[in-house]
Amino acid sequence: MSDEKQTQVSTVLVTGATGRVGRHVVDGLRAAGVTVRALVRKPDRAGLPPDVELIQGDIYDPAAVRRAATGMDAAFLLWPAYSAEGAEAVVAELPRRVVYLSSLNAPSGGVWGDVEELLRQAGKDWTAVRPGGFAVNAQGWAEDFRGGDVVRLPYPKAGRSLIHERDIAAVAVLTLLDDRHVGQAYDLTGPEVLTQAEQVETIARAVGKEMRVEELSAEQARQAMLDQGADPALAESAVTYWAKLVDDPEPVTTTVAELTGRPALRFADWAREHADEFRVLSTAEVANRYVSLLSAGRVHEAMALAAPDVVRVAPLETGGEEIELKGADAILENAQRLSAGIEYVGVEVLGPLLLDDHFAIRFTFDQRDPTTGHPTQTTKLSLCTVTTGQITREEVFYYKGN
């Protein structure tokens, strides 16, 4: 079915557009010439291409969904809750054509099966995309890779057929654009089964590092999930599921290849693409990527290079009193406040300039007051400290000209 035919779908609402799958859905739709609108909670942090229309709002708010869905031909639905409570009102506000990111476990019930049923009851022209385990969940081992040579996990022999997020998005896009998929539910997996230990070995080869696997008991695994804020029922079901996969591995489907006309991506492909997330980047690598992303306006991705507890020493106002901000949220909120009411015309970047575990960047912004049209210029100097491959501190200085 590689010769998929586009129908009259020309505008699509994407929910979950800033997530791992959603970003690829956005890219695929744009490549197909479709106008994309995204429902996002924080537009200033979305990091989506400038031609994507951003509607501020929450997926749990039917009124926000109504605003975002108005005039749209179709929608890609991601329902992130652990239950379908509230989903009925949201589903009612969506366009008639909906592709829902469900789960391979939907036939067994739970939130995925419930939302699928709501789409049917609402009379939507629905398609359910049902992936199994996401390869991207392996990112949970990244800290172990960066900080040592041991990965601790339960049931190393549990067999999984993990799917690449790009394959999920590819199927979602083609089903959005062809109504021959209406009423279909597609089970999606990767092309092979790997045990969890084999997944670690695959990532280790991509990174070029020797790693050992240390088995956690079921109770230790359950407690680790609870410590990370997981719902107790989710932690219990996850541990039970991993235990089952030791003797009864996840299935392998050929749906991705049948629909897209190309082989499904292997876990080794995913590991090579994401290898940098599992190794300690050099100061030069961090600096060059940070500057490149900021220069392209991809602030959200740039902040991913910073440690969770990154500290920025920055002025309350341009040239004003300095304050110390901790964490990406506080830093982004301050940046948004400083840029409020300013129209940026252009930017010149000098750097990065490297020195041991530090780097410096100079940004010169040409800007204009949108009310008066008066042009101004601001220079921003940033001195960043890099520790174990992450930005841990940034000191910012502003100089404003006329």
Protein backbone atom coordinates (compact mmCIF):
# COMPACT_ATOMS: atom_id res chain seq x y z
CA MET A 1 0.00 0.00 0.00
CA SER A 2 2.87 2.37 -0.71
CA ASP A 3 0.92 4.24 -3.40
CA GLU A 4 -1.32 6.01 -0.89
CA LYS A 5 -3.56 8.64 -2.47
CA GLN A 6 -4.20 11.97 -0.77
CA THR A 7 -7.77 13.07 -0.37
CA GLN A 8 -9.15 16.53 0.30
CA VAL A 9 -7.43 16.88 3.70
CA SER A 10 -5.54 20.17 3.57
CA THR A 11 -5.62 21.35 7.20
CA VAL A 12 -4.82 19.18 10.22
CA LEU A 13 -4.88 19.87 13.95
CA VAL A 14 -2.08 18.09 15.79
CA THR A 15 -2.36 17.51 19.53
CA GLY A 16 0.77 16.41 21.37
CA ALA A 17 2.74 18.26 18.69
CA THR A 18 5.74 18.95 20.92
CA GLY A 19 6.22 15.28 21.82
CA ARG A 20 8.51 12.73 20.22
CA VAL A 21 5.83 11.36 17.88
CA GLY A 22 3.94 14.61 17.41
CA ARG A 23 6.94 16.54 16.09
CA HIS A 24 7.42 13.93 13.37
CA VAL A 25 3.71 14.05 12.54
CA VAL A 26 4.03 17.82 12.10
CA ASP A 27 7.07 17.39 9.86
CA GLY A 28 5.38 14.71 7.74
CA LEU A 29 2.24 16.78 7.21
CA ARG A 30 4.25 19.87 6.27
CA ALA A 31 6.27 17.81 3.79
CA ALA A 32 2.97 16.70 2.24
CA GLY A 33 1.90 20.32 1.78
CA VAL A 34 -0.69 20.27 4.55
CA THR A 35 -1.42 23.33 6.69
CA VAL A 36 -0.75 22.40 10.32
CA ARG A 37 -2.25 23.85 13.48
CA ALA A 38 -1.04 22.72 16.92
CA LEU A 39 -2.74 22.88 20.30
CA VAL A 40 0.01 23.67 22.83
CA ARG A 41 0.00 24.75 26.45
CA LYS A 42 2.98 27.10 26.13
CA PRO A 43 3.39 28.47 22.59
CA ASP A 44 6.61 30.31 23.43
CA ARG A 45 8.26 26.98 24.29
CA ALA A 46 6.82 24.84 21.50
CA GLY A 47 9.87 25.04 19.23
CA LEU A 48 7.75 24.23 16.16
CA PRO A 49 8.38 25.60 12.65
CA PRO A 50 7.14 29.18 12.11
CA ASP A 51 4.52 28.13 9.55
CA VAL A 52 2.71 26.01 12.17
CA GLU A 53 -0.20 27.92 13.70
CA LEU A 54 -0.12 27.67 17.48
CA ILE A 55 -3.31 27.68 19.55
CA GLN A 56 -2.76 28.01 23.27
CA GLY A 57 -4.73 25.58 25.37
CA ASP A 58 -4.88 22.23 27.11
CA ILE A 59 -6.11 18.97 25.58
CA TYR A 60 -8.28 18.46 28.67
CA ASP A 61 -10.16 21.72 28.00
CA PRO A 62 -13.03 21.17 25.48
CA ALA A 63 -13.30 24.93 24.82
CA ALA A 64 -9.61 25.10 23.88
CA VAL A 65 -10.00 22.06 21.63
CA ARG A 66 -13.01 23.71 19.98
CA ARG A 67 -10.96 26.83 19.21
CA ALA A 68 -8.14 24.77 17.80
CA ALA A 69 -10.38 22.45 15.75
CA THR A 70 -12.47 25.17 14.10
CA GLY A 71 -12.04 24.99 10.32
CA MET A 72 -9.76 21.94 10.42
CA ASP A 73 -10.31 18.99 8.07
CA ALA A 74 -8.79 16.40 10.40
CA ALA A 75 -7.00 15.91 13.71
CA PHE A 76 -4.24 13.77 15.16
CA LEU A 77 -5.32 12.93 18.69
CA LEU A 78 -3.00 12.17 21.57
CA TRP A 79 -4.89 11.61 24.84
CA PRO A 80 -2.17 11.56 27.54
CA ALA A 81 -4.24 10.67 30.60
CA TYR A 82 -4.34 7.27 32.28
CA SER A 83 -8.14 7.23 32.07
CA ALA A 84 -10.72 8.39 29.52
CA GLU A 85 -12.44 10.65 32.03
CA GLY A 86 -13.20 13.93 30.26
CA ALA A 87 -12.34 12.56 26.83
CA GLU A 88 -15.95 12.38 25.65
CA ALA A 89 -16.35 16.17 25.73
CA VAL A 90 -13.03 16.64 23.95
CA VAL A 91 -13.80 14.07 21.23
CA ALA A 92 -17.05 15.89 20.50
CA GLU A 93 -15.10 19.06 19.60
CA LEU A 94 -12.72 17.39 17.14
CA PRO A 95 -13.17 17.46 13.35
CA ARG A 96 -15.02 14.55 11.78
CA ARG A 97 -11.77 12.88 10.63
CA VAL A 98 -9.56 11.73 13.52
CA VAL A 99 -6.44 9.58 13.70
CA TYR A 100 -5.92 8.47 17.29
CA LEU A 101 -2.59 7.41 18.78
CA SER A 102 -3.83 4.33 20.61
CA SER A 103 -1.95 1.25 21.85
CA LEU A 104 -1.37 -2.36 20.93
CA ASN A 105 -3.13 -3.16 24.22
CA ALA A 106 -6.37 -1.37 23.23
CA PRO A 107 -8.33 -4.62 22.61
CA SER A 108 -7.74 -5.51 26.27
CA GLY A 109 -9.50 -2.35 27.40
CA GLY A 110 -8.10 0.48 29.46
CA VAL A 111 -7.90 4.12 28.39
CA TRP A 112 -6.95 3.33 24.78
CA GLY A 113 -9.90 1.04 24.19
CA ASP A 114 -12.20 3.52 25.93
CA VAL A 115 -11.12 6.44 23.73
CA GLU A 116 -11.46 4.31 20.59
CA GLU A 117 -15.02 3.50 21.63
CA LEU A 118 -15.76 7.19 22.27
CA LEU A 119 -14.62 8.01 18.72
CA ARG A 120 -16.95 5.33 17.34
CA GLN A 121 -19.88 6.50 19.45
CA ALA A 122 -19.31 10.11 18.35
CA GLY A 123 -19.62 9.09 14.71
CA LYS A 124 -16.09 10.16 13.81
CA ASP A 125 -14.27 8.91 10.72
CA TRP A 126 -11.63 7.37 12.92
CA THR A 127 -8.42 5.42 12.45
CA ALA A 128 -6.61 3.87 15.41
CA VAL A 129 -2.81 3.71 15.21
CA ARG A 130 -1.82 1.09 17.79
CA PRO A 131 1.93 0.99 18.48
CA GLY A 132 3.54 -1.36 20.95
CA GLY A 133 6.46 -0.24 23.10
CA PHE A 134 8.20 2.96 22.01
CA ALA A 135 11.94 2.75 21.37
CA VAL A 136 12.21 6.26 22.81
CA ASN A 137 11.41 4.88 26.28
CA ALA A 138 14.98 3.56 26.32
CA GLN A 139 16.03 7.13 27.05
CA GLY A 140 15.33 6.27 30.66
CA TRP A 141 18.75 4.59 30.68
CA ALA A 142 20.60 7.68 29.41
CA GLU A 143 21.66 8.85 32.86
CA ASP A 144 23.12 5.40 33.62
CA PHE A 145 25.11 5.54 30.38
CA ARG A 146 26.42 9.04 31.01
CA GLY A 147 27.23 8.47 34.66
CA GLY A 148 28.84 5.01 34.70
CA ASP A 149 29.00 1.58 33.11
CA VAL A 150 25.99 -0.18 34.67
CA VAL A 151 22.31 -0.14 33.67
CA ARG A 152 19.96 -1.34 36.38
CA LEU A 153 16.67 -2.79 35.17
CA PRO A 154 14.15 -5.53 35.95
CA TYR A 155 13.77 -8.67 33.84
CA PRO A 156 16.73 -8.26 31.44
CA LYS A 157 15.40 -11.19 29.37
CA ALA A 158 12.02 -9.54 28.73
CA GLY A 159 11.56 -9.50 24.95
CA ARG A 160 10.20 -6.37 23.25
CA SER A 161 9.49 -5.35 19.64
CA LEU A 162 10.07 -1.63 20.14
CA ILE A 163 8.99 0.77 17.40
CA HIS A 164 10.76 3.91 16.24
CA GLU A 165 8.74 7.10 16.79
CA ARG A 166 9.32 8.07 13.14
CA ASP A 167 7.49 4.93 11.99
CA ILE A 168 4.51 5.71 14.20
CA ALA A 169 4.36 9.22 12.77
CA ALA A 170 4.74 7.99 9.18
CA VAL A 171 1.71 5.73 9.56
CA ALA A 172 -0.28 8.48 11.28
CA VAL A 173 0.42 10.92 8.43
CA LEU A 174 -0.52 8.55 5.61
CA THR A 175 -3.71 7.50 7.38
CA LEU A 176 -4.67 11.15 7.89
CA LEU A 177 -4.31 11.82 4.16
CA ASP A 178 -6.23 8.87 2.73
CA ASP A 179 -9.80 7.99 3.69
CA ARG A 180 -9.28 4.34 2.75
CA HIS A 181 -7.97 3.98 6.29
CA VAL A 182 -11.20 5.15 7.94
CA GLY A 183 -12.47 2.57 10.42
CA GLN A 184 -9.17 0.67 10.52
CA ALA A 185 -7.04 -0.19 13.56
CA TYR A 186 -3.37 -0.77 12.77
CA ASP A 187 -1.13 -2.76 15.13
CA LEU A 188 2.41 -1.39 14.86
CA THR A 189 5.69 -2.81 16.16
CA GLY A 190 9.32 -2.76 15.28
CA PRO A 191 10.65 -5.48 12.94
CA GLU A 192 12.33 -7.65 15.60
CA VAL A 193 12.25 -8.77 19.22
CA LEU A 194 15.15 -7.77 21.47
CA THR A 195 15.47 -8.49 25.15
CA GLN A 196 16.06 -5.52 27.41
CA ALA A 197 19.66 -6.67 27.84
CA GLU A 198 20.07 -6.76 24.04
CA GLN A 199 18.66 -3.23 23.83
CA VAL A 200 21.34 -2.03 26.25
CA GLU A 201 23.99 -3.81 24.19
CA THR A 202 22.68 -2.19 21.01
CA ILE A 203 22.84 1.31 22.49
CA ALA A 204 26.30 0.59 23.92
CA ARG A 205 27.57 -0.32 20.44
CA ALA A 206 26.14 2.89 19.01
CA VAL A 207 27.74 4.94 21.77
CA GLY A 208 31.04 3.03 21.71
CA LYS A 209 31.02 2.18 25.39
CA GLU A 210 31.06 -1.04 27.41
CA MET A 211 28.02 -1.39 29.67
CA ARG A 212 26.88 -4.04 32.15
CA VAL A 213 23.31 -4.93 33.09
CA GLU A 214 22.42 -5.34 36.74
CA GLU A 215 19.03 -6.90 37.44
CA LEU A 216 16.61 -5.15 39.77
CA SER A 217 14.08 -7.13 41.75
CA ALA A 218 10.40 -6.56 41.01
CA GLU A 219 10.04 -4.61 44.24
CA GLN A 220 13.07 -2.42 43.48
CA ALA A 221 11.72 -1.67 40.00
CA ARG A 222 8.29 -0.85 41.39
CA GLN A 223 9.78 1.50 43.99
CA ALA A 224 12.00 3.22 41.41
CA MET A 225 8.93 4.06 39.33
CA LEU A 226 7.09 5.36 42.38
CA ASP A 227 10.10 7.52 43.30
CA GLN A 228 9.87 9.07 39.82
CA GLY A 229 6.23 9.99 40.41
CA ALA A 230 4.50 7.11 38.60
CA ASP A 231 0.96 6.16 39.51
CA PRO A 232 1.04 3.06 41.80
CA ALA A 233 -1.30 1.13 39.50
CA LEU A 234 0.92 1.94 36.52
CA ALA A 235 4.05 0.84 38.38
CA GLU A 236 2.41 -2.44 39.33
CA SER A 237 1.13 -3.17 35.83
CA ALA A 238 4.48 -2.30 34.24
CA VAL A 239 6.42 -4.70 36.47
CA THR A 240 3.85 -7.44 35.88
CA TYR A 241 4.06 -6.86 32.13
CA TRP A 242 7.89 -7.05 32.04
CA ALA A 243 7.75 -10.35 33.94
CA LYS A 244 5.32 -11.77 31.36
CA LEU A 245 7.62 -10.82 28.47
CA VAL A 246 10.40 -13.14 29.65
CA ASP A 247 8.53 -16.22 28.43
CA ASP A 248 5.98 -14.52 26.16
CA PRO A 249 7.74 -11.74 24.18
CA GLU A 250 5.86 -9.00 22.38
CA PRO A 251 4.62 -9.86 18.87
CA VAL A 252 6.14 -8.57 15.63
CA THR A 253 3.84 -7.13 12.96
CA THR A 254 4.62 -6.17 9.37
CA THR A 255 2.10 -3.32 9.24
CA VAL A 256 4.64 -0.50 8.96
CA ALA A 257 6.23 -2.07 5.88
CA GLU A 258 2.86 -2.90 4.32
CA LEU A 259 1.55 0.65 4.73
CA THR A 260 4.67 2.69 4.02
CA GLY A 261 6.28 0.45 1.39
CA ARG A 262 9.61 0.36 3.24
CA PRO A 263 10.99 -1.79 6.08
CA ALA A 264 10.25 -0.70 9.61
CA LEU A 265 13.23 0.94 11.32
CA ARG A 266 15.25 -1.32 13.59
CA PHE A 267 16.17 -0.55 17.19
CA ALA A 268 19.79 -0.23 16.02
CA ASP A 269 18.67 2.60 13.72
CA TRP A 270 17.06 4.35 16.66
CA ALA A 271 20.15 3.84 18.83
CA ARG A 272 22.44 5.38 16.21
CA GLU A 273 20.16 8.41 15.79
CA HIS A 274 19.94 8.98 19.55
CA ALA A 275 23.48 7.98 20.53
CA ASP A 276 24.42 11.50 21.64
CA GLU A 277 21.73 11.38 24.33
CA PHE A 278 23.59 8.48 25.97
CA ARG A 279 27.10 9.88 26.01
CA VAL A 280 28.83 12.83 27.64
CA LEU A 281 29.23 15.53 25.01
CA SER A 282 32.38 17.62 24.89
CA THR A 283 32.20 21.32 25.73
CA ALA A 284 32.73 22.11 22.04
CA GLU A 285 29.85 19.83 20.99
CA VAL A 286 27.50 21.36 23.56
CA ALA A 287 28.54 24.89 22.60
CA ASN A 288 28.15 24.44 18.85
CA ARG A 289 24.76 22.76 19.17
CA TYR A 290 23.50 25.34 21.65
CA VAL A 291 24.46 28.23 19.37
CA SER A 292 23.08 26.52 16.27
CA LEU A 293 19.70 25.83 17.90
CA LEU A 294 19.37 29.30 19.41
CA SER A 295 20.31 30.92 16.10
CA ALA A 296 17.49 28.95 14.44
CA GLY A 297 15.00 30.01 17.13
CA ARG A 298 14.73 26.46 18.48
CA VAL A 299 14.91 27.53 22.12
CA HIS A 300 13.10 24.47 23.46
CA GLU A 301 15.66 22.11 21.90
CA ALA A 302 18.55 24.32 23.01
CA MET A 303 17.39 24.10 26.63
CA ALA A 304 17.48 20.30 26.38
CA LEU A 305 21.29 20.67 26.45
CA ALA A 306 21.05 22.14 29.95
CA ALA A 307 20.99 20.22 33.23
CA PRO A 308 17.57 20.01 34.96
CA ASP A 309 18.86 22.27 37.74
CA VAL A 310 20.71 24.69 35.45
CA VAL A 311 21.29 28.12 36.99
CA ARG A 312 21.15 31.35 35.02
CA VAL A 313 22.28 34.65 36.48
CA ALA A 314 20.31 37.21 34.51
CA PRO A 315 18.98 40.76 34.87
CA LEU A 316 15.40 41.42 35.88
CA GLU A 317 15.41 44.03 33.11
CA THR A 318 17.87 44.91 30.36
CA GLY A 319 20.69 46.53 32.31
CA GLY A 320 18.82 46.08 35.60
CA GLU A 321 19.27 44.19 38.87
CA GLU A 322 20.54 40.62 38.55
CA ILE A 323 18.64 37.60 39.81
CA GLU A 324 19.50 33.92 39.94
CA LEU A 325 17.09 31.64 38.09
CA LYS A 326 17.06 27.87 38.52
CA GLY A 327 15.59 25.38 36.07
CA ALA A 328 14.44 25.67 32.46
CA ASP A 329 10.91 26.86 33.30
CA ALA A 330 12.10 29.89 35.29
CA ILE A 331 14.71 30.72 32.65
CA LEU A 332 12.24 30.58 29.76
CA GLU A 333 9.65 32.63 31.64
CA ASN A 334 12.19 35.38 32.32
CA ALA A 335 13.30 35.38 28.67
CA GLN A 336 9.68 35.69 27.55
CA ARG A 337 9.11 38.61 29.91
CA LEU A 338 12.22 40.45 28.71
CA SER A 339 11.18 40.09 25.07
CA ALA A 340 7.53 41.11 25.60
CA GLY A 341 6.54 44.02 23.36
CA ILE A 342 9.64 43.72 21.18
CA GLU A 343 9.67 42.92 17.46
CA TYR A 344 12.91 41.21 16.41
CA VAL A 345 14.15 42.14 12.94
CA GLY A 346 17.45 40.22 12.83
CA VAL A 347 20.22 38.70 14.91
CA GLU A 348 23.99 38.43 14.51
CA VAL A 349 25.82 35.68 16.40
CA LEU A 350 29.49 35.61 17.37
CA GLY A 351 30.78 32.38 18.85
CA PRO A 352 30.96 30.07 20.51
CA LEU A 353 34.31 31.01 21.98
CA LEU A 354 35.71 28.03 23.91
CA LEU A 355 37.80 27.87 27.06
CA ASP A 356 38.18 24.58 28.96
CA ASP A 357 34.73 23.85 30.45
CA HIS A 358 33.28 27.23 29.46
CA PHE A 359 32.05 28.86 26.29
CA ALA A 360 30.90 32.37 25.44
CA ILE A 361 28.42 33.66 22.86
CA ARG A 362 27.56 37.17 21.75
CA PHE A 363 24.14 37.88 20.23
CA THR A 364 23.37 41.26 18.67
CA PHE A 365 19.65 41.76 18.18
CA ASP A 366 18.17 44.35 15.80
CA GLN A 367 14.70 45.12 17.07
CA ARG A 368 11.85 47.55 16.69
CA ASP A 369 9.12 48.96 18.91
CA PRO A 370 5.93 47.67 17.21
CA THR A 371 3.99 50.75 18.36
CA THR A 372 6.38 53.55 17.35
CA GLY A 373 8.52 51.74 14.80
CA HIS A 374 11.63 53.04 16.61
CA PRO A 375 14.64 50.74 15.95
CA THR A 376 17.00 49.67 18.73
CA GLN A 377 19.87 47.26 19.15
CA THR A 378 20.64 44.99 22.08
CA THR A 379 23.78 42.94 22.64
CA LYS A 380 23.59 39.88 24.87
CA LEU A 381 26.71 38.14 26.17
CA SER A 382 26.39 34.66 27.65
CA LEU A 383 29.10 32.79 29.55
CA CYS A 384 28.15 29.14 29.98
CA THR A 385 29.68 26.45 32.18
CA VAL A 386 29.56 22.84 30.99
CA THR A 387 29.77 19.91 33.43
CA THR A 388 29.61 16.28 32.27
CA GLY A 389 28.17 17.27 28.93
CA GLN A 390 25.42 19.60 30.16
CA ILE A 391 25.15 23.35 30.66
CA THR A 392 24.99 23.85 34.41
CA ARG A 393 25.35 27.64 34.65
CA GLU A 394 24.86 30.64 32.37
CA GLU A 395 25.79 34.22 33.23
CA VAL A 396 24.06 36.80 31.04
CA PHE A 397 24.97 40.43 30.38
CA TYR A 398 22.93 42.90 28.28
CA TYR A 399 24.02 46.11 26.56
CA LYS A 400 21.34 48.22 24.91
CA GLY A 401 21.99 50.78 22.17
CA ASN A 402 19.77 53.32 20.41
